[in-house]
Structures are given as C-alpha cells and as structure tokens.
C-alpha cells in the first residue's frame, strides 16, 4: 500500500521538532521502508517523532519511530520501538 497524507497528523512540537500520529492498514515494515513518507518530505524534519498505528494481519501495532533521514525528497524513519500490550483480565 502507500502513504496517505490525510492520515499523518501533527500533534505538537516546537524548536524545529514535531510529534506526529500516523494510522494505516499497512504494516510497520512498509511504513519504515525508506521512501514511504516521501510525499511528506516538505513537512517532516530530521528527528521528528512519529507514533504509528499500523496493522499486521488485522492486529493493530503501535510503534514509536523517528525521522532519521530527509534530504528534501527521500524520507526514512527508524524501525521504531513496538509498544507491546497485554490485557490480563
């Protein structure tokens, strides 16, 4: 699948850094592939944090990642840290 601009929402930030929320039916492996966020190159800054809600086989996956490269046309984010969830009740 592909990046969807309307799914990338700026939550806040300052001093050249921002916190973003991104939701997609794509897997995190898709979203953290270099080039996935290219259409957002003009708004994503180096080290911006992106909280992603992606899907693996229909199961939501929450990941915190950050922009580790943006040359103005090609954007790459880190693989990120998956936030695990347990529900013991």
N, C-alpha and C. Protein backbone atom coordinates (compact mmCIF):
# COMPACT_ATOMS: atom_id res chain seq x y z
N UNK A 1 0.84 -1.18 0.00
CA UNK A 1 0.00 0.00 0.00
C UNK A 1 0.89 1.24 0.00
N UNK A 2 0.28 2.39 0.19
CA UNK A 2 1.04 3.63 0.07
C UNK A 2 0.69 4.60 1.18
N UNK A 3 1.58 5.55 1.37
CA UNK A 3 1.39 6.64 2.32
C UNK A 3 0.11 7.40 2.00
N UNK A 4 -0.63 7.77 3.04
CA UNK A 4 -1.85 8.56 2.89
C UNK A 4 -1.68 9.86 3.67
N UNK A 5 -1.61 10.97 2.97
CA UNK A 5 -1.33 12.27 3.60
C UNK A 5 -2.33 12.62 4.69
N UNK A 6 -3.59 12.30 4.49
CA UNK A 6 -4.62 12.67 5.47
C UNK A 6 -4.49 11.88 6.77
N UNK A 7 -3.68 10.83 6.77
CA UNK A 7 -3.50 10.01 7.96
C UNK A 7 -2.32 10.45 8.83
N UNK A 8 -1.54 11.42 8.35
CA UNK A 8 -0.42 11.96 9.12
C UNK A 8 -0.88 13.25 9.78
N UNK A 9 -0.96 13.22 11.12
CA UNK A 9 -1.50 14.35 11.87
C UNK A 9 -0.45 14.87 12.83
N UNK A 10 -0.17 16.15 12.75
CA UNK A 10 0.79 16.77 13.67
C UNK A 10 0.10 16.98 15.02
N UNK A 11 0.67 16.42 16.06
CA UNK A 11 0.11 16.54 17.40
C UNK A 11 0.66 17.77 18.11
N UNK A 12 1.93 18.07 17.90
CA UNK A 12 2.54 19.21 18.55
C UNK A 12 4.01 19.28 18.23
N UNK A 13 4.68 20.21 18.89
CA UNK A 13 6.12 20.34 18.69
C UNK A 13 6.57 21.78 18.86
N UNK A 14 7.85 21.97 18.69
CA UNK A 14 8.46 23.28 18.78
C UNK A 14 9.95 23.17 18.56
N UNK A 15 10.58 24.30 18.32
CA UNK A 15 12.03 24.37 18.10
C UNK A 15 12.48 23.44 16.97
N UNK A 16 11.69 23.36 15.93
CA UNK A 16 12.07 22.57 14.76
C UNK A 16 11.78 21.09 14.85
N UNK A 17 11.20 20.64 15.94
CA UNK A 17 10.86 19.23 16.11
C UNK A 17 9.35 19.10 16.27
N UNK A 18 8.81 17.97 15.80
CA UNK A 18 7.37 17.77 15.90
C UNK A 18 7.06 16.33 16.31
N UNK A 19 5.87 16.17 16.85
CA UNK A 19 5.33 14.86 17.20
C UNK A 19 4.15 14.61 16.29
N UNK A 20 4.17 13.46 15.62
CA UNK A 20 3.16 13.13 14.63
C UNK A 20 2.44 11.83 15.00
N UNK A 21 1.21 11.70 14.52
CA UNK A 21 0.42 10.48 14.63
C UNK A 21 0.12 10.02 13.21
N UNK A 22 0.35 8.73 12.93
CA UNK A 22 0.06 8.19 11.61
C UNK A 22 -0.64 6.85 11.76
N UNK A 23 -1.75 6.68 11.08
CA UNK A 23 -2.52 5.44 11.14
C UNK A 23 -2.67 4.89 9.72
N UNK A 24 -2.44 3.56 9.60
CA UNK A 24 -2.51 2.94 8.29
C UNK A 24 -2.80 1.45 8.42
N UNK A 25 -3.43 0.88 7.41
CA UNK A 25 -3.62 -0.57 7.35
C UNK A 25 -2.34 -1.26 6.88
N UNK A 26 -1.34 -0.47 6.46
CA UNK A 26 -0.05 -1.04 6.07
C UNK A 26 0.66 -1.60 7.29
N UNK A 27 1.63 -2.46 7.08
CA UNK A 27 2.44 -2.98 8.18
C UNK A 27 3.50 -1.95 8.54
N UNK A 28 4.08 -2.07 9.73
CA UNK A 28 5.17 -1.19 10.12
C UNK A 28 6.37 -1.41 9.19
N UNK A 29 6.55 -2.62 8.69
CA UNK A 29 7.64 -2.89 7.75
C UNK A 29 7.49 -2.05 6.48
N UNK A 30 6.25 -1.84 6.05
CA UNK A 30 6.01 -0.96 4.90
C UNK A 30 6.33 0.49 5.27
N UNK A 31 5.78 0.94 6.40
CA UNK A 31 5.91 2.35 6.79
C UNK A 31 7.35 2.75 7.11
N UNK A 32 8.17 1.82 7.61
CA UNK A 32 9.53 2.21 7.95
C UNK A 32 10.52 1.95 6.82
N UNK A 33 10.01 1.64 5.64
CA UNK A 33 10.86 1.49 4.46
C UNK A 33 11.20 2.87 3.92
N UNK A 34 12.48 3.07 3.61
CA UNK A 34 12.91 4.36 3.04
C UNK A 34 12.04 4.68 1.83
N UNK A 35 11.52 5.89 1.79
CA UNK A 35 10.70 6.34 0.68
C UNK A 35 9.21 6.34 0.96
N UNK A 36 8.77 5.62 1.98
CA UNK A 36 7.33 5.54 2.26
C UNK A 36 6.74 6.92 2.51
N UNK A 37 7.45 7.78 3.26
CA UNK A 37 6.94 9.11 3.61
C UNK A 37 7.46 10.21 2.67
N UNK A 38 7.92 9.86 1.48
CA UNK A 38 8.48 10.87 0.57
C UNK A 38 7.53 12.03 0.29
N UNK A 39 6.25 11.75 0.18
CA UNK A 39 5.28 12.82 -0.12
C UNK A 39 5.15 13.81 1.04
N UNK A 40 5.71 13.48 2.20
CA UNK A 40 5.68 14.38 3.36
C UNK A 40 7.05 15.00 3.62
N UNK A 41 7.95 14.91 2.66
CA UNK A 41 9.32 15.41 2.84
C UNK A 41 9.35 16.90 3.19
N UNK A 42 8.37 17.65 2.71
CA UNK A 42 8.36 19.10 2.98
C UNK A 42 7.85 19.45 4.38
N UNK A 43 7.30 18.48 5.12
CA UNK A 43 6.79 18.79 6.46
C UNK A 43 7.48 18.00 7.57
N UNK A 44 8.13 16.90 7.22
CA UNK A 44 8.83 16.10 8.22
C UNK A 44 10.28 16.56 8.36
N UNK A 45 10.69 16.80 9.59
CA UNK A 45 12.06 17.22 9.87
C UNK A 45 12.86 16.07 10.46
N UNK A 46 14.15 16.16 10.32
CA UNK A 46 15.05 15.19 10.93
C UNK A 46 14.77 15.12 12.43
N UNK A 47 14.64 13.93 12.96
CA UNK A 47 14.36 13.64 14.36
C UNK A 47 12.92 13.90 14.80
N UNK A 48 12.02 14.25 13.89
CA UNK A 48 10.60 14.30 14.25
C UNK A 48 10.17 12.90 14.70
N UNK A 49 9.31 12.83 15.69
CA UNK A 49 8.82 11.56 16.21
C UNK A 49 7.47 11.25 15.58
N UNK A 50 7.31 9.98 15.17
CA UNK A 50 6.05 9.55 14.58
C UNK A 50 5.52 8.36 15.37
N UNK A 51 4.34 8.53 15.95
CA UNK A 51 3.64 7.41 16.59
C UNK A 51 2.78 6.77 15.51
N UNK A 52 3.06 5.54 15.17
CA UNK A 52 2.33 4.88 14.11
C UNK A 52 1.41 3.80 14.66
N UNK A 53 0.22 3.74 14.11
CA UNK A 53 -0.70 2.64 14.34
C UNK A 53 -0.81 1.94 12.99
N UNK A 54 -0.19 0.78 12.89
CA UNK A 54 -0.22 0.02 11.65
C UNK A 54 -0.90 -1.32 11.92
N UNK A 55 -0.91 -2.18 10.93
CA UNK A 55 -1.63 -3.44 11.08
C UNK A 55 -0.78 -4.60 10.61
N UNK A 56 -0.84 -5.68 11.36
CA UNK A 56 -0.21 -6.94 10.95
C UNK A 56 -1.28 -8.01 11.01
N UNK A 57 -1.75 -8.44 9.85
CA UNK A 57 -2.81 -9.45 9.82
C UNK A 57 -4.08 -9.00 10.51
N UNK A 58 -4.35 -7.70 10.50
CA UNK A 58 -5.54 -7.17 11.13
C UNK A 58 -5.36 -6.79 12.59
N UNK A 59 -4.21 -7.12 13.18
CA UNK A 59 -3.94 -6.77 14.56
C UNK A 59 -3.21 -5.43 14.61
N UNK A 60 -3.72 -4.45 15.35
CA UNK A 60 -3.06 -3.15 15.41
C UNK A 60 -1.69 -3.26 16.09
N UNK A 61 -0.73 -2.48 15.56
CA UNK A 61 0.62 -2.43 16.11
C UNK A 61 0.97 -0.96 16.34
N UNK A 62 1.26 -0.60 17.60
CA UNK A 62 1.67 0.76 17.94
C UNK A 62 3.19 0.81 17.99
N UNK A 63 3.77 1.73 17.23
CA UNK A 63 5.22 1.87 17.15
C UNK A 63 5.61 3.33 17.28
N UNK A 64 6.67 3.59 18.02
CA UNK A 64 7.26 4.93 18.08
C UNK A 64 8.52 4.90 17.24
N UNK A 65 8.61 5.78 16.26
CA UNK A 65 9.76 5.87 15.38
C UNK A 65 10.12 7.34 15.22
N UNK A 66 11.25 7.60 14.58
CA UNK A 66 11.60 8.99 14.28
C UNK A 66 12.24 9.08 12.91
N UNK A 67 12.21 10.28 12.36
CA UNK A 67 12.79 10.54 11.04
C UNK A 67 14.31 10.57 11.19
N UNK A 68 14.99 9.62 10.56
CA UNK A 68 16.45 9.61 10.66
C UNK A 68 17.14 10.07 9.38
N UNK A 69 16.36 10.36 8.35
CA UNK A 69 16.92 10.91 7.12
C UNK A 69 15.83 11.62 6.33
N UNK A 70 16.16 12.78 5.82
CA UNK A 70 15.26 13.53 4.94
C UNK A 70 16.13 14.50 4.15
N UNK A 71 16.37 14.18 2.89
CA UNK A 71 17.20 15.05 2.05
C UNK A 71 16.35 16.01 1.21
N UNK A 72 15.07 16.12 1.56
CA UNK A 72 14.17 17.00 0.83
C UNK A 72 13.30 16.27 -0.18
N UNK A 73 13.69 15.04 -0.49
CA UNK A 73 12.86 14.25 -1.40
C UNK A 73 12.71 12.80 -0.94
N UNK A 74 13.72 12.25 -0.28
CA UNK A 74 13.63 10.88 0.24
C UNK A 74 13.63 10.93 1.76
N UNK A 75 12.58 10.34 2.35
CA UNK A 75 12.42 10.31 3.81
C UNK A 75 12.59 8.88 4.28
N UNK A 76 13.30 8.71 5.38
CA UNK A 76 13.43 7.40 6.02
C UNK A 76 13.16 7.57 7.50
N UNK A 77 12.46 6.60 8.09
CA UNK A 77 12.26 6.60 9.53
C UNK A 77 12.91 5.34 10.11
N UNK A 78 13.19 5.38 11.40
CA UNK A 78 13.77 4.22 12.05
C UNK A 78 12.77 3.07 12.08
N UNK A 79 13.27 1.88 12.38
CA UNK A 79 12.37 0.72 12.51
C UNK A 79 11.38 0.93 13.64
N UNK A 80 11.78 1.70 14.64
CA UNK A 80 10.88 2.05 15.72
C UNK A 80 10.88 1.05 16.85
N UNK A 81 10.21 1.43 17.89
CA UNK A 81 10.05 0.59 19.08
C UNK A 81 8.56 0.24 19.18
N UNK A 82 8.28 -1.04 19.15
CA UNK A 82 6.90 -1.50 19.24
C UNK A 82 6.46 -1.44 20.70
N UNK A 83 5.32 -0.84 20.93
CA UNK A 83 4.74 -0.75 22.25
C UNK A 83 3.86 -1.99 22.42
N UNK A 84 4.29 -2.89 23.31
CA UNK A 84 3.55 -4.14 23.48
C UNK A 84 2.35 -3.92 24.39
N UNK A 85 1.39 -4.79 24.25
CA UNK A 85 0.16 -4.66 25.02
C UNK A 85 -0.24 -6.02 25.57
N UNK A 86 -0.57 -6.03 26.82
CA UNK A 86 -1.14 -7.22 27.42
C UNK A 86 -2.42 -6.81 28.14
N UNK A 87 -3.34 -7.70 28.19
CA UNK A 87 -4.60 -7.46 28.89
C UNK A 87 -4.92 -8.71 29.68
N UNK A 88 -4.55 -8.71 30.94
CA UNK A 88 -4.64 -9.91 31.75
C UNK A 88 -6.01 -10.20 32.35
N UNK A 89 -7.00 -9.39 32.03
CA UNK A 89 -8.31 -9.68 32.63
C UNK A 89 -9.27 -10.30 31.66
